[in-house]
Protein backbone atom coordinates (compact mmCIF):
# COMPACT_ATOMS: atom_id res chain seq x y z
CA MET A 1 4.54 -226.45 52.91
CA THR A 2 2.08 -225.74 55.82
CA ALA A 3 -0.91 -223.82 56.52
CA ALA A 4 0.34 -220.86 58.77
CA THR A 5 -1.25 -217.72 60.30
CA PRO A 6 -1.81 -214.27 57.87
CA ALA A 7 0.78 -212.64 60.42
CA THR A 8 3.53 -215.19 60.01
CA SER A 9 2.83 -216.16 56.43
CA ILE A 10 3.29 -212.53 54.62
CA ARG A 11 6.87 -212.66 55.26
CA ALA A 12 7.52 -216.60 54.31
CA GLY A 13 4.80 -217.94 52.31
CA PHE A 14 2.32 -217.35 49.51
CA LEU A 15 -1.43 -217.72 48.75
CA PRO A 16 -2.14 -220.29 45.74
CA ASP A 17 -4.54 -219.56 42.96
CA ILE A 18 -7.56 -220.14 44.36
CA ALA A 19 -9.96 -218.28 42.20
CA SER A 20 -9.86 -220.82 39.12
CA ALA A 21 -12.62 -222.71 37.09
CA ARG A 22 -10.36 -225.78 37.96
CA GLU A 23 -10.68 -225.49 41.58
CA TYR A 24 -14.55 -224.73 41.40
CA PHE A 25 -15.46 -227.81 39.02
CA GLY A 26 -13.51 -229.92 41.62
CA ALA A 27 -15.16 -228.76 44.29
CA TRP A 28 -18.78 -228.90 42.91
CA ALA A 29 -17.69 -232.37 41.55
CA LYS A 30 -17.21 -233.78 45.21
CA LEU A 31 -20.86 -232.19 45.93
CA THR A 32 -22.25 -234.75 43.46
CA VAL A 33 -21.59 -237.63 45.75
CA LEU A 34 -25.03 -236.49 47.64
CA GLN A 35 -26.86 -237.79 44.72
CA TYR A 36 -26.67 -241.23 46.31
CA PHE A 37 -29.25 -240.29 49.08
CA VAL A 38 -31.81 -239.65 46.70
CA ALA A 39 -30.94 -242.93 44.35
CA GLU A 40 -30.92 -244.88 47.64
CA ALA A 41 -34.15 -243.66 48.82
CA ALA A 42 -35.62 -244.39 45.51
CA VAL A 43 -34.33 -247.92 44.92
CA ILE A 44 -35.52 -248.83 48.30
CA GLY A 45 -39.16 -247.67 47.35
CA ALA A 46 -39.09 -249.93 44.46
CA TRP A 47 -37.85 -253.16 46.71
CA ALA A 48 -39.85 -256.34 45.56
CA GLY A 49 -38.30 -258.57 47.66
CA PRO A 50 -40.71 -260.82 49.97
CA GLU A 51 -39.94 -258.69 53.00
CA PRO A 52 -39.86 -254.82 53.16
CA TYR A 53 -36.10 -253.51 52.75
CA SER A 54 -34.55 -252.00 55.82
CA ARG A 55 -32.05 -249.86 56.19
CA ARG A 56 -31.16 -251.31 59.73
CA THR A 57 -30.79 -254.84 58.31
CA GLY A 58 -30.71 -254.84 54.58
CA PHE A 59 -26.89 -254.46 53.19
CA ILE A 60 -26.37 -251.40 50.85
CA SER A 61 -25.19 -253.83 47.96
CA ASP A 62 -28.50 -255.75 48.00
CA LEU A 63 -29.86 -252.67 46.44
CA GLY A 64 -27.67 -253.17 43.09
CA ALA A 65 -28.04 -256.99 43.09
CA ILE A 66 -28.85 -257.65 39.31
CA HIS A 67 -30.96 -260.82 39.95
CA CYS A 68 -34.00 -261.97 42.45
CA GLY A 69 -33.38 -264.54 44.69
CA ILE A 70 -31.20 -265.89 47.60
CA HIS A 71 -27.68 -264.11 47.79
CA GLU A 72 -25.79 -265.95 50.93
CA ASP A 73 -28.84 -265.90 53.35
CA ARG A 74 -30.52 -263.33 52.17
CA ASP A 75 -33.70 -263.27 49.84
CA VAL A 76 -33.05 -259.83 47.72
CA CYS A 77 -35.06 -258.52 44.67
CA SER A 78 -33.92 -254.78 43.47
CA PRO A 79 -36.12 -253.78 39.81
CA LEU A 80 -34.47 -250.59 40.39
CA HIS A 81 -30.87 -252.25 40.64
CA ALA A 82 -29.44 -250.50 37.54
CA VAL A 83 -30.20 -246.95 39.15
CA MET A 84 -28.45 -247.89 42.49
CA ASN A 85 -25.56 -249.12 40.36
CA ALA A 86 -25.40 -245.93 38.41
CA SER A 87 -25.40 -243.92 41.24
CA PHE A 88 -22.46 -245.75 42.71
CA VAL A 89 -20.53 -244.93 39.44
CA VAL A 90 -21.38 -241.55 39.49
CA GLN A 91 -20.79 -240.98 43.15
CA GLY A 92 -16.88 -242.76 42.34
CA MET A 93 -16.41 -240.28 38.99
CA GLY A 94 -17.28 -237.18 41.62
CA MET A 95 -14.55 -238.13 43.86
CA LEU A 96 -12.36 -238.99 41.47
CA VAL A 97 -12.94 -235.77 39.35
CA GLY A 98 -12.51 -233.80 42.73
CA ALA A 99 -9.38 -235.66 43.38
CA LEU A 100 -7.78 -234.85 40.23
CA LEU A 101 -8.95 -231.14 39.99
CA LEU A 102 -8.28 -229.93 43.62
CA SER A 103 -4.59 -228.80 44.29
CA SER A 104 -2.96 -230.04 47.33
CA ALA A 105 -2.35 -226.26 47.82
CA LEU A 106 -5.94 -225.46 47.86
CA LEU A 107 -6.84 -228.43 50.44
CA CYS A 108 -4.14 -226.49 52.45
CA VAL A 109 -5.77 -223.32 52.81
CA ALA A 110 -9.48 -223.56 52.00
CA ALA A 111 -11.14 -223.50 54.90
CA ARG A 112 -9.99 -219.89 56.17
CA PRO A 113 -9.22 -216.72 53.83
CA GLY A 114 -5.78 -215.49 54.57
CA VAL A 115 -3.87 -218.59 55.34
CA ARG A 116 -0.98 -218.88 53.13
CA LEU A 117 1.68 -221.68 52.30
CA ALA A 118 5.16 -221.58 53.75
CA PHE A 119 8.25 -222.72 52.87
CA GLY A 120 11.41 -224.18 54.52
CA PRO A 121 12.02 -226.98 57.13
CA GLY A 122 8.99 -228.09 59.42
CA HIS A 123 6.84 -226.93 56.86
CA ARG A 124 6.40 -230.07 54.80
CA VAL A 125 3.90 -232.27 56.81
CA PRO A 126 0.72 -230.45 55.73
CA TRP A 127 1.69 -230.28 52.16
CA TYR A 128 2.06 -234.11 52.05
CA THR A 129 -1.00 -234.52 54.25
CA ALA A 130 -2.91 -232.97 51.59
CA LEU A 131 -1.25 -235.11 48.84
CA ALA A 132 -2.16 -238.05 50.86
CA ALA A 133 -6.04 -236.97 51.10
CA LYS A 134 -6.33 -236.50 47.44
CA VAL A 135 -4.88 -239.98 46.90
CA PHE A 136 -7.09 -241.76 49.42
CA THR A 137 -10.05 -239.84 47.72
CA PHE A 138 -9.21 -241.26 44.28
CA THR A 139 -8.96 -244.79 45.95
CA ALA A 140 -12.45 -244.24 47.40
CA GLY A 141 -13.79 -243.17 44.41
CA ALA A 142 -12.33 -245.90 42.08
CA GLY A 143 -13.48 -248.33 44.68
CA THR A 144 -17.13 -247.19 44.59
CA ILE A 145 -16.97 -247.40 40.87
CA ILE A 146 -15.98 -251.15 41.17
CA VAL A 147 -18.96 -251.56 43.46
CA GLY A 148 -21.12 -250.47 40.52
CA LEU A 149 -19.74 -251.78 37.66
CA VAL A 150 -19.34 -255.35 39.69
CA PRO A 151 -22.49 -256.06 41.65
CA GLU A 152 -22.51 -258.55 44.40
CA ASP A 153 -24.24 -261.00 42.53
CA ALA A 154 -22.20 -260.53 39.47
CA GLY A 155 -20.04 -263.82 40.10
CA PHE A 156 -17.17 -262.03 41.10
CA PHE A 157 -17.87 -260.91 44.67
CA ALA A 158 -14.11 -260.68 45.66
CA VAL A 159 -13.69 -257.75 43.17
CA HIS A 160 -16.81 -256.31 44.46
CA LEU A 161 -15.92 -256.50 48.08
CA ALA A 162 -12.79 -255.01 47.29
CA GLY A 163 -14.32 -252.14 45.84
CA ALA A 164 -16.35 -251.75 48.84
CA LEU A 165 -13.22 -251.64 51.04
CA MET A 166 -11.64 -249.38 49.13
CA PHE A 167 -14.37 -247.00 49.32
CA PHE A 168 -14.82 -247.12 53.24
CA ILE A 169 -10.97 -247.17 54.27
CA GLY A 170 -9.72 -244.61 51.70
CA GLY A 171 -13.10 -242.06 52.23
CA ALA A 172 -12.31 -242.57 56.20
CA LEU A 173 -8.72 -241.95 55.66
CA ALA A 174 -9.14 -238.85 53.30
CA LEU A 175 -11.63 -237.19 55.81
CA LEU A 176 -9.19 -237.91 58.60
CA LEU A 177 -6.34 -236.02 56.89
CA VAL A 178 -8.57 -233.05 55.77
CA GLY A 179 -10.10 -232.47 59.23
CA ALA A 180 -6.69 -232.90 60.79
CA LEU A 181 -5.55 -229.77 58.13
CA TRP A 182 -8.35 -227.84 58.84
CA LEU A 183 -8.57 -228.07 62.91
CA ARG A 184 -7.40 -224.67 63.14
CA GLN A 185 -9.06 -223.17 60.15
CA SER A 186 -12.52 -223.83 60.73
CA PRO A 187 -15.10 -225.52 63.12
CA LEU A 188 -15.84 -227.77 60.09
CA GLY A 189 -12.64 -229.33 60.72
CA TRP A 190 -13.84 -230.86 63.90
CA PHE A 191 -17.01 -232.48 61.83
CA ILE A 192 -14.93 -233.42 59.14
CA LEU A 193 -12.72 -235.34 61.50
CA ALA A 194 -15.88 -236.82 63.18
CA CYS A 195 -17.16 -238.05 60.05
CA GLY A 196 -13.75 -240.02 59.21
CA ALA A 197 -13.56 -241.40 62.71
CA THR A 198 -16.82 -242.74 62.83
CA SER A 199 -16.71 -244.43 59.58
CA PHE A 200 -13.12 -245.74 60.51
CA VAL A 201 -14.55 -247.15 63.98
CA ALA A 202 -17.43 -248.86 62.32
CA LEU A 203 -15.36 -250.11 59.62
CA GLY A 204 -13.12 -251.77 62.70
CA LEU A 205 -16.16 -253.12 64.11
CA GLY A 206 -17.43 -254.57 61.10
CA GLY A 207 -14.18 -256.48 60.20
CA ALA A 208 -13.77 -257.59 64.04
CA THR A 209 -17.61 -259.06 63.87
CA GLY A 210 -17.83 -260.23 60.19
CA MET A 211 -20.79 -257.91 59.93
CA GLU A 212 -22.78 -260.73 62.04
CA VAL A 213 -24.11 -257.93 64.40
CA PRO A 214 -27.86 -257.59 65.13
CA GLU A 215 -28.48 -254.43 62.50
CA PRO A 216 -25.66 -254.86 59.88
CA GLY A 217 -27.17 -252.27 57.51
CA THR A 218 -27.22 -249.83 60.38
CA LEU A 219 -23.40 -250.80 60.82
CA GLU A 220 -22.44 -250.67 57.30
CA ARG A 221 -24.05 -247.32 56.89
CA PHE A 222 -22.11 -245.54 59.72
CA MET A 223 -19.21 -246.86 57.58
CA GLY A 224 -20.76 -245.18 54.26
CA TYR A 225 -22.76 -242.27 55.25
CA PRO A 226 -20.03 -240.11 57.00
CA VAL A 227 -17.74 -240.85 54.01
CA THR A 228 -20.32 -239.24 51.64
CA ILE A 229 -21.52 -236.42 54.05
CA GLY A 230 -17.75 -235.46 54.98
CA LEU A 231 -16.65 -235.45 51.27
CA ALA A 232 -19.78 -233.49 50.18
CA THR A 233 -18.82 -230.74 53.17
CA VAL A 234 -15.16 -230.66 51.86
CA GLY A 235 -16.75 -229.71 48.43
CA LEU A 236 -19.00 -227.21 49.97
CA VAL A 237 -16.46 -225.39 52.17
CA ILE A 238 -13.98 -225.28 48.87
CA GLY A 239 -16.59 -224.33 46.55
CA GLN A 240 -17.82 -221.47 48.66
CA ARG A 241 -14.19 -220.18 49.11
CA VAL A 242 -13.52 -220.57 45.58
CA ARG A 243 -16.81 -218.46 44.93
CA GLN A 244 -15.66 -215.70 47.00
CA GLU A 245 -12.18 -215.21 45.80
CA LEU A 246 -13.97 -215.20 42.17
CA LYS A 247 -16.17 -212.51 43.48
CA ALA A 248 -13.50 -210.58 45.26
CA ARG A 249 -11.22 -210.87 41.93
CA LYS A 250 -13.93 -209.44 39.89
CA ALA A 251 -14.36 -206.65 42.38
CA ARG A 252 -10.83 -205.81 42.31
CA ALA A 253 -11.05 -205.80 38.48
CA THR A 254 -14.11 -203.63 38.18
CA ALA A 255 -12.70 -201.14 40.65
CA GLN A 256 -9.28 -200.96 38.74
CA ALA A 257 -11.03 -200.31 35.57
CA THR A 258 -13.21 -197.74 36.98
CA ARG A 259 -10.25 -195.78 38.43
CA THR A 260 -8.87 -196.01 34.84
CA LEU A 261 -11.71 -194.09 33.39
C-alpha cells in the first residue's frame, strides 16, 4: 500500500480511521520524549564533580552514573542520577507506546489531509516502510529503557552500550523512513529526514573515531538530540492531524443532528 494523491486514490484507495483515541494517545506518547531535555538540564545543574559538567565534553551517560568517582578516565558525580535514569525510562516508554499504538496506515497519510492508501502491485513499499519505522522506533525505545535501567557504572557496561546503540541506530533509521514517507506530503518531511541523517552521520563518525574527538559530548548529542527532536515532531504532526479529524467528525455529527431536528 502507498500514499497517493486524492485525485487518484478516490478510485483505488481508502482513508484509514484517523480519528481514534488510540492514535491520539500514541501521538502524545511520542511527545513525552521532550521531558528528557528538562531532566538533563536539572541533573547538569546538580552535578557535583570536581569540574563543572560540560555538554561539549561530558558523555550523556555520565549524568546517570550511580557512583561518584573515576569511570574510565572521567571523574563523575551525579547526585540526581536517579532523575536522569528515570527520564531515560520514561523517554523509552513514550517511544514504545507510540510504536504500538500508531498504525502503519496512519504513518503513511498523517502529514497531509486527503491522502489515501492505494492497493495493488507497486503500492506495497510505503506500507512496509511505515511498519519498519514502527519496529525501529520500538527498538530505540527498548534501548533507551535499557540505558536507564543499567547505568554505565552498574557493572554491565556492554549491556548499557548495547541499549545506547539501539536508541541511536533505531531512532535514526525510524526518522529516515518517516521522513521519506512524508517528503511529498509536508515540508516537515525534510526536517524529519534531516534529523535522521544528522544522527546517522554523527553515529558513523563516532564509530569511526571511537569517540576519540575533542568534544565527545557534542558528537554524542548530535547522535541523540536529533532523534528526540525528530520523534517529538512526528508525534506533534500526527497529534494535530488526529485532533483535526476528531473536530471534523464532531462537526459532521453536530450538523447531521441539526438537520434531523
